[in-house]
Amino acid sequence: MNILLLGSGGREHAFAWKISQSDLCQKLYIAPGNPGTALHGENVQLSVNDFNAIATLCIEKHIAMVVVGPEDPLVNGIVDFFEQHEHLKHIQVVGPSQRGAMLEGSKAFAKEFMIKYGIPTASYREFNADNFEEGLQYIHQHALPVVLKADGLAAGKGVVIAQTTEEALTEFTEMIQHNKFGKAGSNVVIEAFLTGIECSVFVLTDGNDYILLPSAKDYKRIGEGDTGLNTGGMGAISPVPFADEAFMKKVTDQIILPTIHGIKSDGIGYNGFVFIGLISVNGEPFVIEYNCRMGDPETEVVLPRLENDLVDIFNKLHQGKLNEIICQHSSATAATIMLVSKGYPEEYQKGIEITQLDAAEGSQVFHAGTMQTDDGRIVTNGGRVVAITSVGDSLQQALDTSVLNAKKIQFEGKYFRTDIGWEFI
């Protein structure tokens, strides 16, 4: 079959790499893709949110399956668009309906869903311009630290952990009265801060059955030892050492099964991934957030450990036969390190030439923020530039290989963390 993959980051390169290995994939198109995805299929210069252009491409190229990488087109309703289009409704789209994508698109919607179905999460209140003064009073009496979340999508930047009441009041005011995050911050969720250790769990569901993919943990802070500013992710590991059989049974019973039950009970159309961001508080799992797609850079460690044919899984998803899938994954450990631009996550330059991309040995190099110039050079095109994934018999072995190869790839101002997975080594 001909398959269209939407997106342009490291997650999409990992998907392209995995999808292209399937005998079921005849031709892979990636829109818009990057120089890495071009190694596994044909890039097409289309915006992921230009649904009409995507429709035209699907008809012209006889696309049978669309895999949606990023959250924006899902929250904007691409699945509903396909289902309602006379010439597209036969195409399998891997992703939830627009209502299902609200689990990521609205923090308040997700919180209400969790409370409704008894899913463990931090206590919270929701505020906007209409009850702004009440929100100020709520912050004054709230224990510290306190978490403020812009309700909508804010490109991963809409969460503030305030250490003081004054900081919380300032951020709350900036969000609601000064549009710090635009429309995304017109509603603000204020919730209790949970102390523990985080991990990510990935489920693929048709709203009835599900399969559980390998667990992962990503590292958001820019600095060694988890210090400094938050980023989109500086690296990831899989599996997560503390997510053992006993912990995962709690996750399944208390979170996954109630989530699937809630999706079904609410009549939400869902044929895609549920990314569950968890925190273990004294061994008890709580949900920090839902995402309606795979994570980045977690995808870069999850897919290299997955031994199943991914396209076959997607077929079974749309055939209502997920219960026939036994998810098989390697017992080895994967570690990915993200090479980032100087200045990231704040101001950084683009267009810096990258060399020695072919020098990495024993690792898979996934392009994230790269582009190819007219004269064939690969240059930086984002803050997070490439992810280097290695698989080993131990976390230390996988990390050592990734670090070794991270040193080989060159571009001016390159920065990376050498301590991904540090608390488990």
Protein backbone atom coordinates (compact mmCIF):
# COMPACT_ATOMS: atom_id res chain seq x y z
CA MET A 1 0.00 0.00 0.00
CA ASN A 2 1.00 3.65 -0.43
CA ILE A 3 1.38 5.45 2.90
CA LEU A 4 1.53 9.16 3.77
CA LEU A 5 3.34 10.23 6.94
CA LEU A 6 2.72 13.78 8.20
CA GLY A 7 5.43 15.70 10.07
CA SER A 8 9.04 16.81 9.85
CA GLY A 9 10.86 16.02 13.11
CA GLY A 10 12.84 13.27 14.76
CA ARG A 11 9.65 11.40 15.61
CA GLU A 12 8.69 11.34 11.94
CA HIS A 13 12.15 10.17 10.84
CA ALA A 14 11.82 7.29 13.32
CA PHE A 15 8.36 6.48 11.95
CA ALA A 16 9.63 6.63 8.35
CA TRP A 17 12.55 4.34 9.26
CA LYS A 18 10.20 1.80 10.87
CA ILE A 19 7.37 1.98 8.31
CA SER A 20 9.76 1.55 5.38
CA GLN A 21 10.92 -1.79 6.83
CA SER A 22 7.44 -3.28 6.32
CA ASP A 23 6.73 -5.47 3.29
CA LEU A 24 3.23 -3.97 3.38
CA CYS A 25 4.59 -0.52 2.50
CA GLN A 26 4.86 -0.13 -1.26
CA LYS A 27 5.60 3.60 -1.39
CA LEU A 28 6.09 6.04 1.49
CA TYR A 29 5.48 9.77 1.18
CA ILE A 30 6.37 12.22 3.95
CA ALA A 31 4.92 15.73 4.19
CA PRO A 32 6.91 17.85 4.60
CA GLY A 33 9.63 15.53 5.96
CA ASN A 34 13.32 16.32 6.38
CA PRO A 35 16.63 15.06 4.91
CA GLY A 36 16.42 12.01 7.19
CA THR A 37 12.94 10.94 6.12
CA ALA A 38 14.07 11.32 2.50
CA LEU A 39 16.29 8.28 3.08
CA HIS A 40 13.17 6.12 3.50
CA GLY A 41 10.59 7.67 1.17
CA GLU A 42 9.69 10.70 -0.90
CA ASN A 43 9.32 14.08 0.77
CA VAL A 44 6.45 16.31 -0.39
CA GLN A 45 6.46 19.99 0.49
CA LEU A 46 3.03 20.33 2.10
CA SER A 47 1.96 21.83 5.42
CA VAL A 48 0.54 19.31 7.90
CA ASN A 49 -2.41 21.67 8.39
CA ASP A 50 -3.22 22.19 4.69
CA PHE A 51 -5.95 19.57 4.58
CA ASN A 52 -7.07 20.36 1.04
CA ALA A 53 -3.55 19.95 -0.35
CA ILE A 54 -3.19 16.71 1.62
CA ALA A 55 -6.48 15.49 0.16
CA THR A 56 -5.28 16.21 -3.38
CA LEU A 57 -2.02 14.34 -2.73
CA CYS A 58 -3.86 11.33 -1.28
CA ILE A 59 -6.08 11.07 -4.35
CA GLU A 60 -3.23 11.56 -6.83
CA LYS A 61 -0.89 9.08 -5.13
CA HIS A 62 -3.56 6.47 -4.25
CA ILE A 63 -2.77 6.71 -0.55
CA ALA A 64 -4.29 3.92 1.54
CA MET A 65 -3.01 4.97 4.98
CA VAL A 66 -2.12 8.28 6.64
CA VAL A 67 0.02 8.33 9.79
CA VAL A 68 -0.19 11.64 11.65
CA GLY A 69 2.96 12.50 13.59
CA PRO A 70 2.37 15.88 15.31
CA GLU A 71 -0.58 17.01 17.42
CA ASP A 72 -1.63 20.15 15.50
CA PRO A 73 -3.46 18.48 12.59
CA LEU A 74 -5.15 16.07 15.01
CA VAL A 75 -6.40 18.89 17.24
CA ASN A 76 -7.47 20.74 14.07
CA GLY A 77 -9.62 17.78 13.01
CA ILE A 78 -7.79 16.01 10.19
CA VAL A 79 -9.39 12.65 11.06
CA ASP A 80 -12.89 14.15 10.88
CA PHE A 81 -11.94 15.84 7.60
CA PHE A 82 -11.03 12.48 6.06
CA GLU A 83 -14.12 10.72 7.43
CA GLN A 84 -16.42 13.37 5.97
CA HIS A 85 -14.70 13.55 2.55
CA GLU A 86 -16.33 11.41 -0.13
CA HIS A 87 -13.01 10.52 -1.78
CA LEU A 88 -10.97 10.07 1.41
CA LYS A 89 -13.22 8.24 3.88
CA HIS A 90 -11.86 4.83 2.81
CA ILE A 91 -8.31 5.83 3.84
CA GLN A 92 -7.01 4.56 7.18
CA VAL A 93 -5.87 7.50 9.33
CA VAL A 94 -3.80 6.70 12.40
CA GLY A 95 -4.97 9.25 14.94
CA PRO A 96 -7.98 10.21 17.07
CA SER A 97 -10.95 12.32 16.07
CA GLN A 98 -10.88 16.02 16.89
CA ARG A 99 -12.80 15.31 20.09
CA GLY A 100 -10.33 12.59 21.05
CA ALA A 101 -7.44 14.95 20.40
CA MET A 102 -8.93 17.27 23.03
CA LEU A 103 -7.22 15.01 25.57
CA GLU A 104 -4.09 16.88 24.49
CA GLY A 105 -5.62 20.02 23.03
CA SER A 106 -7.30 21.07 26.29
CA LYS A 107 -5.79 20.54 29.73
CA ALA A 108 -9.19 21.26 31.28
CA PHE A 109 -10.93 18.66 29.07
CA ALA A 110 -8.30 16.08 30.06
CA LYS A 111 -8.66 16.88 33.76
CA GLU A 112 -12.45 16.62 33.60
CA PHE A 113 -12.11 13.28 31.79
CA MET A 114 -9.72 11.94 34.47
CA ILE A 115 -11.94 13.05 37.35
CA LYS A 116 -15.03 11.57 35.63
CA TYR A 117 -13.40 8.16 35.25
CA GLY A 118 -11.50 8.03 38.54
CA ILE A 119 -8.04 8.26 36.99
CA PRO A 120 -5.40 9.39 39.51
CA THR A 121 -4.13 12.92 38.83
CA ALA A 122 -3.20 16.05 40.77
CA SER A 123 -6.00 18.17 42.26
CA TYR A 124 -6.80 21.27 40.18
CA ARG A 125 -8.98 24.29 39.44
CA GLU A 126 -9.63 26.05 36.13
CA PHE A 127 -9.70 29.84 35.70
CA ASN A 128 -10.17 32.45 32.96
CA ALA A 129 -10.84 36.17 32.61
CA ASP A 130 -14.33 35.79 34.09
CA ASN A 131 -13.07 34.43 37.43
CA PHE A 132 -9.60 36.01 37.39
CA GLU A 133 -9.87 37.52 40.88
CA GLU A 134 -10.97 34.17 42.27
CA GLY A 135 -7.87 32.65 40.66
CA LEU A 136 -5.63 35.18 42.41
CA GLN A 137 -7.21 34.26 45.75
CA TYR A 138 -6.79 30.54 44.97
CA ILE A 139 -3.07 31.05 44.30
CA HIS A 140 -2.63 32.99 47.55
CA GLN A 141 -3.88 30.03 49.60
CA HIS A 142 -2.26 27.26 47.48
CA ALA A 143 0.67 25.18 48.73
CA LEU A 144 4.02 25.66 46.96
CA PRO A 145 5.33 24.91 44.45
CA VAL A 146 2.22 25.28 42.30
CA VAL A 147 1.75 24.32 38.63
CA LEU A 148 0.11 26.62 36.07
CA LYS A 149 -0.83 25.20 32.68
CA ALA A 150 -2.15 27.02 29.63
CA ASP A 151 -5.26 25.08 28.64
CA GLY A 152 -4.48 24.86 24.92
CA LEU A 153 -1.51 23.90 22.77
CA ALA A 154 1.48 26.14 23.46
CA ALA A 155 4.27 24.30 21.61
CA GLY A 156 5.40 22.60 24.81
CA LYS A 157 5.96 25.92 26.58
CA GLY A 158 2.63 26.38 28.37
CA VAL A 159 3.55 24.89 31.76
CA VAL A 160 5.05 26.91 34.63
CA ILE A 161 6.12 25.44 37.96
CA ALA A 162 6.06 28.45 40.30
CA GLN A 163 8.26 28.25 43.39
CA THR A 164 6.78 31.34 45.05
CA THR A 165 3.32 32.87 45.35
CA GLU A 166 4.60 36.05 43.69
CA GLU A 167 5.89 34.10 40.67
CA ALA A 168 2.58 32.24 40.37
CA LEU A 169 0.57 35.48 40.53
CA THR A 170 2.78 37.09 37.87
CA GLU A 171 2.58 34.11 35.50
CA PHE A 172 -1.18 33.76 36.00
CA THR A 173 -1.65 37.46 35.19
CA GLU A 174 0.65 37.23 32.15
CA MET A 175 -1.30 34.27 30.78
CA ILE A 176 -4.82 35.59 31.20
CA GLN A 177 -4.51 39.36 31.01
CA HIS A 178 -1.45 39.80 28.77
CA ASN A 179 -1.91 36.80 26.42
CA LYS A 180 1.51 35.30 27.16
CA PHE A 181 0.52 32.10 25.31
CA GLY A 182 -2.12 33.68 23.10
CA LYS A 183 -5.46 31.93 22.87
CA ALA A 184 -3.92 28.78 24.43
CA GLY A 185 -3.60 30.63 27.75
CA SER A 186 -7.05 32.22 27.89
CA ASN A 187 -7.99 29.39 30.25
CA VAL A 188 -5.47 28.33 32.89
CA VAL A 189 -5.41 25.10 34.89
CA ILE A 190 -3.82 25.47 38.33
CA GLU A 191 -2.86 22.17 39.91
CA ALA A 192 -0.96 20.72 42.83
CA PHE A 193 2.71 19.89 42.31
CA LEU A 194 3.48 16.18 42.59
CA THR A 195 6.89 15.00 43.77
CA GLY A 196 8.22 11.82 42.21
CA ILE A 197 9.86 10.40 39.10
CA GLU A 198 8.31 10.61 35.64
CA CYS A 199 7.93 8.22 32.73
CA SER A 200 5.86 7.85 29.59
CA VAL A 201 3.53 5.02 28.63
CA PHE A 202 2.29 4.57 25.06
CA VAL A 203 -0.93 2.85 24.11
CA LEU A 204 -2.36 2.25 20.64
CA THR A 205 -6.13 1.89 20.77
CA ASP A 206 -9.24 1.67 18.61
CA GLY A 207 -11.35 2.80 21.57
CA ASN A 208 -12.16 -0.79 22.43
CA ASP A 209 -8.97 -2.85 22.52
CA TYR A 210 -5.40 -1.64 22.96
CA ILE A 211 -1.78 -2.70 22.81
CA LEU A 212 0.93 -1.42 25.13
CA LEU A 213 4.20 -0.24 23.58
CA PRO A 214 7.56 -0.09 25.40
CA SER A 215 7.80 2.49 28.18
CA ALA A 216 10.19 5.44 27.94
CA LYS A 217 11.51 8.38 29.92
CA ASP A 218 12.55 11.66 28.38
CA TYR A 219 14.78 14.37 29.81
CA LYS A 220 13.48 17.91 29.39
CA ARG A 221 16.08 20.07 31.15
CA ILE A 222 18.85 21.62 29.09
CA GLY A 223 21.61 20.98 31.65
CA GLU A 224 23.39 17.94 33.06
CA GLY A 225 21.74 16.52 36.16
CA ASP A 226 18.35 17.87 35.06
CA THR A 227 19.17 21.53 35.59
CA GLY A 228 18.33 24.70 33.68
CA LEU A 229 15.52 25.56 31.31
CA ASN A 230 12.91 23.13 29.99
CA THR A 231 13.27 22.01 26.37
CA GLY A 232 11.33 19.84 23.98
CA GLY A 233 13.50 16.94 25.15
CA MET A 234 17.27 16.41 25.35
CA GLY A 235 17.15 12.62 25.19
CA ALA A 236 15.26 9.53 26.25
CA ILE A 237 15.68 5.94 27.43
CA SER A 238 13.61 2.77 27.08
CA PRO A 239 12.67 0.72 29.05
CA VAL A 240 12.28 2.62 32.33
CA PRO A 241 13.94 0.68 35.18
CA PHE A 242 11.33 1.49 37.84
CA ALA A 243 8.40 0.68 35.53
CA ASP A 244 8.51 -2.97 36.52
CA GLU A 245 5.71 -5.53 36.31
CA ALA A 246 4.14 -4.46 39.62
CA PHE A 247 4.15 -0.76 38.72
CA MET A 248 2.81 -1.41 35.22
CA LYS A 249 -0.04 -3.49 36.66
CA LYS A 250 -1.08 -0.42 38.67
CA VAL A 251 -0.78 1.71 35.52
CA THR A 252 -2.92 -0.74 33.56
CA ASP A 253 -5.61 -1.16 36.23
CA GLN A 254 -5.80 2.43 37.46
CA ILE A 255 -5.04 4.42 34.27
CA ILE A 256 -5.02 2.53 30.96
CA LEU A 257 -8.22 0.51 31.39
CA PRO A 258 -10.23 3.47 32.79
CA THR A 259 -8.91 5.65 29.93
CA ILE A 260 -10.05 3.17 27.27
CA HIS A 261 -13.36 2.74 29.10
CA GLY A 262 -13.82 6.51 29.17
CA ILE A 263 -13.08 6.88 25.46
CA LYS A 264 -15.62 4.17 24.68
CA SER A 265 -18.26 5.40 27.15
CA ASP A 266 -18.05 8.96 25.84
CA GLY A 267 -18.38 7.74 22.24
CA ILE A 268 -15.07 9.30 21.24
CA GLY A 269 -13.70 8.20 17.86
CA TYR A 270 -10.18 7.00 18.50
CA ASN A 271 -7.86 5.03 16.22
CA GLY A 272 -4.45 6.10 17.38
CA PHE A 273 -1.90 6.62 20.12
CA VAL A 274 -2.56 7.68 23.68
CA PHE A 275 0.64 9.00 25.23
CA ILE A 276 0.26 8.96 29.01
CA GLY A 277 2.72 11.14 30.87
CA LEU A 278 3.01 9.66 34.34
CA ILE A 279 4.67 10.39 37.64
CA SER A 280 5.39 7.75 40.25
CA VAL A 281 4.69 9.17 43.71
CA ASN A 282 6.01 6.68 46.27
CA GLY A 283 5.29 3.89 43.79
CA GLU A 284 1.78 5.07 42.92
CA PRO A 285 1.14 6.29 39.33
CA PHE A 286 -0.54 9.64 38.63
CA VAL A 287 -1.29 11.14 35.22
CA ILE A 288 0.45 14.44 34.50
CA GLU A 289 -0.88 14.76 30.96
CA TYR A 290 -2.29 12.97 27.95
CA ASN A 291 -0.98 13.43 24.42
CA CYS A 292 -2.85 12.20 21.35
CA ARG A 293 0.29 11.13 19.46
CA MET A 294 3.70 9.63 20.10
CA GLY A 295 6.31 11.69 21.93
CA ASP A 296 9.55 13.14 20.67
CA PRO A 297 12.27 12.04 21.48
CA GLU A 298 10.56 9.00 23.05
CA THR A 299 9.58 7.61 19.64
CA GLU A 300 13.28 7.40 18.81
CA VAL A 301 13.80 4.84 21.61
CA VAL A 302 10.43 3.07 21.51
CA LEU A 303 10.36 2.12 17.81
CA PRO A 304 13.93 0.70 17.73
CA ARG A 305 12.86 -1.75 20.47
CA LEU A 306 9.55 -2.69 18.79
CA GLU A 307 9.96 -5.96 16.87
CA ASN A 308 6.48 -6.09 15.27
CA ASP A 309 5.71 -4.89 11.74
CA LEU A 310 4.31 -1.42 12.49
CA VAL A 311 2.20 -1.24 9.32
CA ASP A 312 0.62 -4.58 10.20
CA ILE A 313 -0.25 -3.17 13.63
CA PHE A 314 -1.86 -0.13 11.99
CA ASN A 315 -3.87 -2.40 9.68
CA LYS A 316 -5.12 -4.43 12.63
CA LEU A 317 -5.99 -1.18 14.40
CA HIS A 318 -8.40 -0.20 11.64
CA GLN A 319 -9.75 -3.71 11.21
CA GLY A 320 -10.73 -3.87 14.88
CA LYS A 321 -8.27 -6.73 15.38
CA LEU A 322 -5.80 -5.28 17.87
CA ASN A 323 -6.62 -8.20 20.16
CA GLU A 324 -4.78 -10.42 17.64
CA ILE A 325 -1.51 -8.49 18.16
CA ILE A 326 1.09 -9.66 20.64
CA CYS A 327 3.38 -6.68 21.10
CA GLN A 328 6.95 -7.93 20.89
CA HIS A 329 9.90 -5.80 21.84
CA SER A 330 13.58 -6.28 22.41
CA SER A 331 14.87 -6.91 25.92
CA ALA A 332 17.75 -4.55 25.12
CA THR A 333 17.94 -0.93 26.29
CA ALA A 334 17.76 2.07 23.96
CA ALA A 335 19.18 5.51 24.70
CA THR A 336 18.90 8.58 22.51
CA ILE A 337 20.83 11.84 22.81
CA MET A 338 19.64 15.04 21.16
CA LEU A 339 22.19 17.36 19.60
CA VAL A 340 20.89 20.91 19.88
CA SER A 341 21.79 24.36 18.56
CA LYS A 342 23.76 26.86 20.63
CA GLY A 343 21.35 29.00 22.65
CA TYR A 344 18.46 26.51 22.59
CA PRO A 345 15.81 26.59 24.08
CA GLU A 346 16.11 30.35 23.74
CA GLU A 347 17.44 32.21 20.69
CA TYR A 348 19.54 30.19 18.24
CA GLN A 349 20.75 30.38 14.65
CA LYS A 350 19.64 28.22 11.74
CA GLY A 351 21.46 27.30 8.55
CA ILE A 352 24.68 26.03 10.15
CA GLU A 353 26.29 23.23 8.16
CA ILE A 354 26.32 19.74 9.70
CA THR A 355 29.15 17.36 8.85
CA GLN A 356 30.19 13.79 9.71
CA LEU A 357 26.59 12.53 9.80
CA ASP A 358 27.81 9.29 8.25
CA ALA A 359 30.55 8.86 10.88
CA ALA A 360 28.21 7.40 13.52
CA GLU A 361 28.76 3.67 14.02
CA GLY A 362 26.42 1.40 15.94
CA SER A 363 23.75 4.10 16.28
CA GLN A 364 20.72 5.24 14.33
CA VAL A 365 20.84 8.97 13.54
CA PHE A 366 17.37 10.51 13.34
CA HIS A 367 17.10 13.97 11.78
CA ALA A 368 14.97 16.41 13.77
CA GLY A 369 15.69 20.04 12.84
CA THR A 370 17.64 19.74 9.58
CA MET A 371 17.20 20.79 5.96
CA GLN A 372 19.08 20.30 2.70
CA THR A 373 20.33 23.32 0.78
CA ASP A 374 20.15 23.68 -2.99
CA ASP A 375 23.80 22.67 -3.23
CA GLY A 376 23.22 19.48 -1.24
CA ARG A 377 24.57 20.48 2.17
CA ILE A 378 22.70 19.44 5.34
CA VAL A 379 22.21 22.40 7.70
CA THR A 380 20.50 23.07 11.00
CA ASN A 381 16.84 24.09 10.82
CA GLY A 382 15.74 24.01 14.45
CA GLY A 383 16.77 24.00 18.07
CA ARG A 384 16.84 20.22 18.31
CA VAL A 385 18.92 19.08 15.37
CA VAL A 386 19.51 15.30 15.41
CA ALA A 387 18.77 12.42 17.78
CA ILE A 388 21.36 9.66 18.12
CA THR A 389 19.85 6.36 19.24
CA SER A 390 21.82 3.32 20.35
CA VAL A 391 20.64 -0.07 21.58
CA GLY A 392 22.72 -2.08 24.05
CA ASP A 393 22.66 -4.83 26.63
CA SER A 394 22.64 -2.17 29.35
CA LEU A 395 21.72 1.48 29.68
CA GLN A 396 25.38 2.37 30.20
CA GLN A 397 26.40 0.58 27.01
CA ALA A 398 23.68 2.24 24.95
CA LEU A 399 24.48 5.66 26.39
CA ASP A 400 28.22 5.26 25.84
CA THR A 401 27.65 4.45 22.16
CA SER A 402 25.35 7.44 21.69
CA VAL A 403 27.81 9.79 23.43
CA LEU A 404 30.68 8.49 21.28
CA ASN A 405 28.74 9.18 18.10
CA ALA A 406 27.42 12.51 19.38
CA LYS A 407 31.03 13.67 19.54
CA LYS A 408 31.65 12.67 15.91
CA ILE A 409 28.83 14.64 14.29
CA GLN A 410 29.86 18.27 13.88
CA PHE A 411 28.20 21.67 13.59
CA GLU A 412 29.18 24.99 15.09
CA GLY A 413 27.70 25.53 18.57
CA LYS A 414 26.67 21.87 18.98
CA TYR A 415 25.54 20.99 22.50
CA PHE A 416 24.29 17.77 24.07
CA ARG A 417 23.84 16.11 27.45
CA THR A 418 26.05 13.14 28.27
CA ASP A 419 24.00 12.00 31.30
CA ILE A 420 20.69 10.83 29.81
CA GLY A 421 19.36 8.17 32.20
CA TRP A 422 21.72 9.43 34.91
CA GLU A 423 19.56 8.43 37.89
CA PHE A 424 19.55 4.76 36.79
CA ILE A 425 23.30 4.39 36.18
